[in-house]
Protein backbone atom coordinates (compact mmCIF):
# COMPACT_ATOMS: atom_id res chain seq x y z
CA UNK A 1 94.80 124.18 83.13
CA UNK A 2 96.30 125.26 86.47
CA UNK A 3 94.67 122.25 88.17
CA UNK A 4 96.19 119.94 85.55
CA UNK A 5 99.61 121.42 86.23
CA UNK A 6 99.16 121.17 89.98
CA UNK A 7 98.12 117.55 89.83
CA UNK A 8 101.00 116.53 87.61
CA UNK A 9 103.75 118.60 89.13
CA UNK A 10 104.60 116.44 92.12
CA UNK A 11 106.65 113.77 90.41
CA UNK A 12 109.22 115.98 88.72
CA UNK A 13 109.68 117.93 91.94
CA UNK A 14 111.05 114.89 93.61
CA UNK A 15 113.70 114.26 91.01
CA UNK A 16 115.99 117.24 91.32
CA UNK A 17 118.22 119.02 93.74
CA UNK A 18 117.85 122.72 92.89
CA UNK A 19 121.21 124.45 92.96
CA UNK A 20 119.79 127.29 95.07
CA UNK A 21 118.16 125.03 97.69
CA UNK A 22 119.57 124.87 101.23
CA UNK A 23 121.45 121.60 101.64
CA UNK A 24 121.90 121.19 97.91
CA UNK A 25 125.62 120.70 98.15
CA UNK A 26 125.40 117.22 96.72
CA UNK A 27 123.42 116.16 93.69
CA UNK A 28 121.41 112.95 93.46
CA UNK A 29 123.53 109.89 92.86
CA UNK A 30 123.37 108.49 89.34
CA UNK A 31 120.56 106.00 88.85
CA UNK A 32 121.26 102.34 88.41
CA UNK A 33 118.85 99.95 86.72
CA UNK A 34 118.20 96.74 88.57
CA UNK A 35 115.84 93.82 88.16
CA UNK A 36 112.72 94.18 90.26
CA UNK A 37 113.32 92.57 93.66
CA UNK A 38 110.48 90.56 95.22
CA UNK A 39 108.22 92.81 97.29
CA UNK A 40 109.66 95.96 95.73
CA UNK A 41 106.27 97.55 95.18
CA UNK A 42 106.94 97.98 91.48
CA UNK A 43 104.35 96.58 89.09
CA UNK A 44 105.34 93.14 87.71
CA UNK A 45 107.86 93.37 84.88
CA UNK A 46 108.61 97.06 85.49
CA UNK A 47 112.36 97.76 85.82
CA UNK A 48 113.48 99.85 88.79
CA UNK A 49 116.06 102.65 88.52
CA UNK A 50 117.53 103.33 91.95
CA UNK A 51 119.40 106.36 93.22
CA UNK A 52 119.73 108.51 96.32
CA UNK A 53 118.68 112.06 97.12
CA UNK A 54 119.82 114.12 100.12
CA UNK A 55 116.86 114.63 102.46
CA UNK A 56 117.75 118.31 103.03
CA UNK A 57 117.51 119.06 99.31
CA UNK A 58 114.23 117.15 99.02
CA UNK A 59 112.79 119.04 102.00
CA UNK A 60 113.82 122.38 100.48
CA UNK A 61 111.80 121.58 97.34
CA UNK A 62 108.82 120.36 99.36
CA UNK A 63 108.91 123.44 101.62
CA UNK A 64 108.23 125.61 98.57
CA UNK A 65 104.88 123.88 98.22
CA UNK A 66 103.14 122.60 95.13
CA UNK A 67 102.80 126.06 93.57
CA UNK A 68 106.59 126.38 93.23
CA UNK A 69 106.71 123.06 91.42
CA UNK A 70 103.70 123.86 89.23
CA UNK A 71 105.48 126.92 87.90
CA UNK A 72 108.42 124.74 86.82
CA UNK A 73 106.67 122.46 84.30
CA UNK A 74 104.24 122.37 81.41
CA UNK A 75 102.14 119.19 81.21
CA UNK A 76 99.07 117.77 79.53
CA UNK A 77 96.85 114.80 80.34
CA UNK A 78 97.88 111.52 78.70
CA UNK A 79 94.95 109.38 77.61
CA UNK A 80 94.55 105.92 76.11
CA UNK A 81 91.21 106.21 74.38
CA UNK A 82 89.24 108.10 76.99
CA UNK A 83 91.09 106.63 79.95
CA UNK A 84 93.51 108.85 81.90
CA UNK A 85 96.91 107.17 82.33
CA UNK A 86 99.02 110.04 83.66
CA UNK A 87 100.44 113.42 82.74
CA UNK A 88 102.74 113.96 79.78
CA UNK A 89 105.68 116.25 80.49
CA UNK A 90 105.76 118.87 77.76
CA UNK A 91 108.57 121.03 79.12
CA UNK A 92 110.65 121.76 82.18
CA UNK A 93 111.00 125.54 82.41
CA UNK A 94 114.64 126.65 82.46
CA UNK A 95 114.01 129.22 85.20
CA UNK A 96 112.11 126.83 87.51
CA UNK A 97 113.18 124.70 90.45
CA UNK A 98 113.36 121.65 88.20
CA UNK A 99 115.82 123.17 85.74
CA UNK A 100 118.52 120.63 86.62
CA UNK A 101 116.24 117.61 86.33
CA UNK A 102 117.71 114.99 84.00
CA UNK A 103 115.65 111.99 85.09
CA UNK A 104 112.56 113.03 83.16
CA UNK A 105 112.35 114.02 79.54
CA UNK A 106 109.74 115.84 77.46
CA UNK A 107 107.25 113.23 76.33
CA UNK A 108 107.52 111.14 79.51
CA UNK A 109 104.21 110.26 81.15
CA UNK A 110 104.09 110.44 84.95
CA UNK A 111 101.83 107.53 85.90
CA UNK A 112 102.03 107.60 89.70
CA UNK A 113 104.03 108.82 92.69
CA UNK A 114 104.56 106.38 95.56
CA UNK A 115 101.78 104.28 94.02
CA UNK A 116 99.34 107.19 94.16
CA UNK A 117 97.62 108.16 90.93
CA UNK A 118 97.57 111.87 90.12
CA UNK A 119 94.30 112.00 88.20
CA UNK A 120 92.20 113.92 90.73
CA UNK A 121 93.16 116.76 93.08
CA UNK A 122 92.61 114.66 96.21
CA UNK A 123 94.92 111.98 94.80
CA UNK A 124 97.59 114.60 94.15
CA UNK A 125 97.29 115.89 97.72
CA UNK A 126 97.47 112.32 99.06
CA UNK A 127 100.67 111.72 97.04
CA UNK A 128 102.09 115.03 98.31
CA UNK A 129 101.43 113.94 101.92
CA UNK A 130 102.79 110.42 101.38
CA UNK A 131 106.12 111.57 99.95
CA UNK A 132 106.67 114.14 102.71
CA UNK A 133 106.96 111.30 105.22
CA UNK A 134 108.50 108.64 102.99
CA UNK A 135 111.98 107.20 103.14
CA UNK A 136 111.98 106.90 99.35
CA UNK A 137 110.23 108.52 96.42
CA UNK A 138 108.96 106.24 93.68
CA UNK A 139 107.81 107.71 90.38
CA UNK A 140 106.32 105.39 87.77
CA UNK A 141 107.05 106.69 84.28
CA UNK A 142 106.12 105.61 80.79
CA UNK A 143 108.63 106.53 78.09
CA UNK A 144 108.14 105.52 74.46
CA UNK A 145 105.67 102.80 75.43
CA UNK A 146 107.86 101.30 78.18
CA UNK A 147 107.21 101.66 81.89
CA UNK A 148 109.84 101.93 84.58
CA UNK A 149 110.05 103.07 88.18
CA UNK A 150 112.45 105.73 89.44
CA UNK A 151 113.22 105.15 93.14
CA UNK A 152 115.13 107.78 95.11
CA UNK A 153 116.12 106.75 98.62
CA UNK A 154 116.41 109.80 100.87
CA UNK A 155 119.74 110.03 102.66
CA UNK A 156 120.58 112.00 105.83
């Protein structure tokens, strides 16, 4: 089960500014929902919720490594038939680094991070590497049968 948690933990980690993180003086800006612009990278018909996240706060979470994030969530694989579609968020632990996360809810399925699936460990590690150097973090989520994309643009 630890591997399942590790693989699924990346997405929620990118959605919060922990109150104890260096540079966490400002919280992420509230998300706004916008129609999908051409060339946005979002799957067709998937609405995009845009917000900002201070880079210093993001880097503080990433510096803790995946194990710090893994300890903050409980997840389980989400399947359609026998096909893996993502990881269902069961709970965000109140003592973990994601305790202030409001963008994800129990029951949400994390489908991808920056267009990287999280099904296998090497995909998780690829997503982890991609977001470390990205100017924005994009998390595709399915909630109650509807998909949407959270996009956080990192600010100086």
